[in-house]
């Protein structure tokens, strides 16, 4: 990810209808904004469009299944989070430690 870049997320929530799924997708997008410390501009065809700040707070959003326009401003962020910088390295390291621990316990039971 380039420094100073926001994240634009163009989604197709149309096939969910009036279910809870568009709201769930909006909440998942909040975590993408937090993990990358970027503004996330979410444009949905029939779901919920929103502007989410780097801390996961929804600055502005549209209702479900309503055609409208969002006009807002956002700030460019230049911070790189550990996840943006290293990706899934931490998750793979945890998996490696778990596998080594399991192998050790199998070989040398308590």
Protein backbone atom coordinates (compact mmCIF):
# COMPACT_ATOMS: atom_id res chain seq x y z
CA UNK A 1 0.00 0.00 0.00
CA UNK A 2 1.36 3.40 -0.93
CA UNK A 3 1.75 5.98 1.82
CA UNK A 4 -0.93 8.68 1.83
CA UNK A 5 -3.47 6.51 0.07
CA UNK A 6 -7.06 6.01 1.24
CA UNK A 7 -8.84 2.76 0.56
CA UNK A 8 -11.76 2.80 -1.86
CA UNK A 9 -14.01 -0.20 -1.49
CA UNK A 10 -16.59 -0.72 -4.26
CA UNK A 11 -19.03 -3.44 -3.20
CA UNK A 12 -22.05 -5.24 -4.60
CA UNK A 13 -24.43 -5.84 -1.70
CA UNK A 14 -27.48 -6.00 -3.98
CA UNK A 15 -28.00 -9.72 -3.74
CA UNK A 16 -28.33 -9.62 0.07
CA UNK A 17 -31.68 -7.83 -0.05
CA UNK A 18 -33.03 -6.53 3.25
CA UNK A 19 -30.98 -8.85 5.44
CA UNK A 20 -28.39 -8.17 8.11
CA UNK A 21 -25.52 -8.87 5.68
CA UNK A 22 -24.98 -5.25 4.47
CA UNK A 23 -24.66 -4.12 8.09
CA UNK A 24 -22.20 -6.94 8.78
CA UNK A 25 -20.14 -5.98 5.72
CA UNK A 26 -20.08 -2.37 6.91
CA UNK A 27 -18.71 -3.49 10.29
CA UNK A 28 -16.07 -5.67 8.61
CA UNK A 29 -15.02 -2.65 6.54
CA UNK A 30 -14.49 -0.74 9.77
CA UNK A 31 -11.83 -3.29 10.77
CA UNK A 32 -10.10 -2.91 7.37
CA UNK A 33 -9.85 0.84 8.04
CA UNK A 34 -8.39 0.20 11.51
CA UNK A 35 -5.86 -2.45 10.46
CA UNK A 36 -4.51 -0.25 7.65
CA UNK A 37 -4.97 3.08 9.50
CA UNK A 38 -6.56 4.60 6.40
CA UNK A 39 -9.80 6.32 5.58
CA UNK A 40 -12.06 3.81 3.89
CA UNK A 41 -14.50 5.09 1.30
CA UNK A 42 -17.15 2.40 0.86
CA UNK A 43 -19.38 2.68 -2.21
CA UNK A 44 -22.21 0.13 -2.34
CA UNK A 45 -24.70 -0.28 -5.17
CA UNK A 46 -27.67 -1.01 -2.90
CA UNK A 47 -26.08 -1.57 0.46
CA UNK A 48 -24.69 0.98 2.87
CA UNK A 49 -22.14 3.45 1.52
CA UNK A 50 -19.94 5.07 4.14
CA UNK A 51 -16.86 7.09 4.97
CA UNK A 52 -14.91 5.42 7.78
CA UNK A 53 -11.97 7.08 9.51
CA UNK A 54 -8.68 5.31 10.42
CA UNK A 55 -10.03 4.54 13.89
CA UNK A 56 -13.10 2.70 12.58
CA UNK A 57 -15.57 5.48 13.33
CA UNK A 58 -18.26 5.96 10.71
CA UNK A 59 -18.10 9.61 9.69
CA UNK A 60 -20.99 9.48 7.25
CA UNK A 61 -23.20 6.73 5.86
CA UNK A 62 -26.20 6.24 3.62
CA UNK A 63 -29.32 4.23 4.41
CA UNK A 64 -29.88 0.77 2.97
CA UNK A 65 -31.43 0.72 -0.54
CA UNK A 66 -31.57 4.51 -0.89
CA UNK A 67 -29.98 6.29 -3.85
CA UNK A 68 -28.12 9.32 -2.57
CA UNK A 69 -24.85 11.24 -2.76
CA UNK A 70 -22.23 11.53 -0.04
CA UNK A 71 -20.14 14.68 -0.07
CA UNK A 72 -17.41 14.79 2.52
CA UNK A 73 -13.74 15.40 3.10
CA UNK A 74 -11.08 13.11 4.50
CA UNK A 75 -7.46 13.43 5.52
CA UNK A 76 -4.52 11.66 3.95
CA UNK A 77 -2.74 9.34 6.39
CA UNK A 78 0.92 8.40 6.11
CA UNK A 79 1.26 5.94 8.99
CA UNK A 80 1.98 2.30 8.23
CA UNK A 81 0.53 -0.14 10.72
CA UNK A 82 2.35 -3.37 11.56
CA UNK A 83 -0.27 -5.26 9.54
CA UNK A 84 0.18 -2.98 6.52
CA UNK A 85 3.95 -3.35 6.76
CA UNK A 86 4.26 -7.08 7.51
CA UNK A 87 0.92 -8.63 6.54
CA UNK A 88 0.17 -12.03 8.04
CA UNK A 89 3.70 -12.68 9.38
CA UNK A 90 2.46 -12.54 13.00
CA UNK A 91 -0.34 -15.05 12.27
CA UNK A 92 2.11 -17.43 10.58
CA UNK A 93 4.53 -17.09 13.50
CA UNK A 94 1.73 -17.97 15.94
CA UNK A 95 0.87 -21.01 13.84
CA UNK A 96 4.53 -22.08 13.84
CA UNK A 97 4.81 -21.75 17.63
CA UNK A 98 1.58 -23.72 18.05
CA UNK A 99 2.80 -26.54 15.79
CA UNK A 100 6.19 -26.68 17.50
CA UNK A 101 4.55 -26.72 20.94
CA UNK A 102 2.17 -29.48 19.87
CA UNK A 103 5.03 -31.53 18.45
CA UNK A 104 7.05 -31.03 21.63
CA UNK A 105 4.10 -32.13 23.82
CA UNK A 106 3.50 -35.22 21.66
CA UNK A 107 7.15 -36.22 21.88
CA UNK A 108 7.58 -35.34 25.56
CA UNK A 109 4.18 -35.73 27.29
CA UNK A 110 3.68 -33.99 30.60
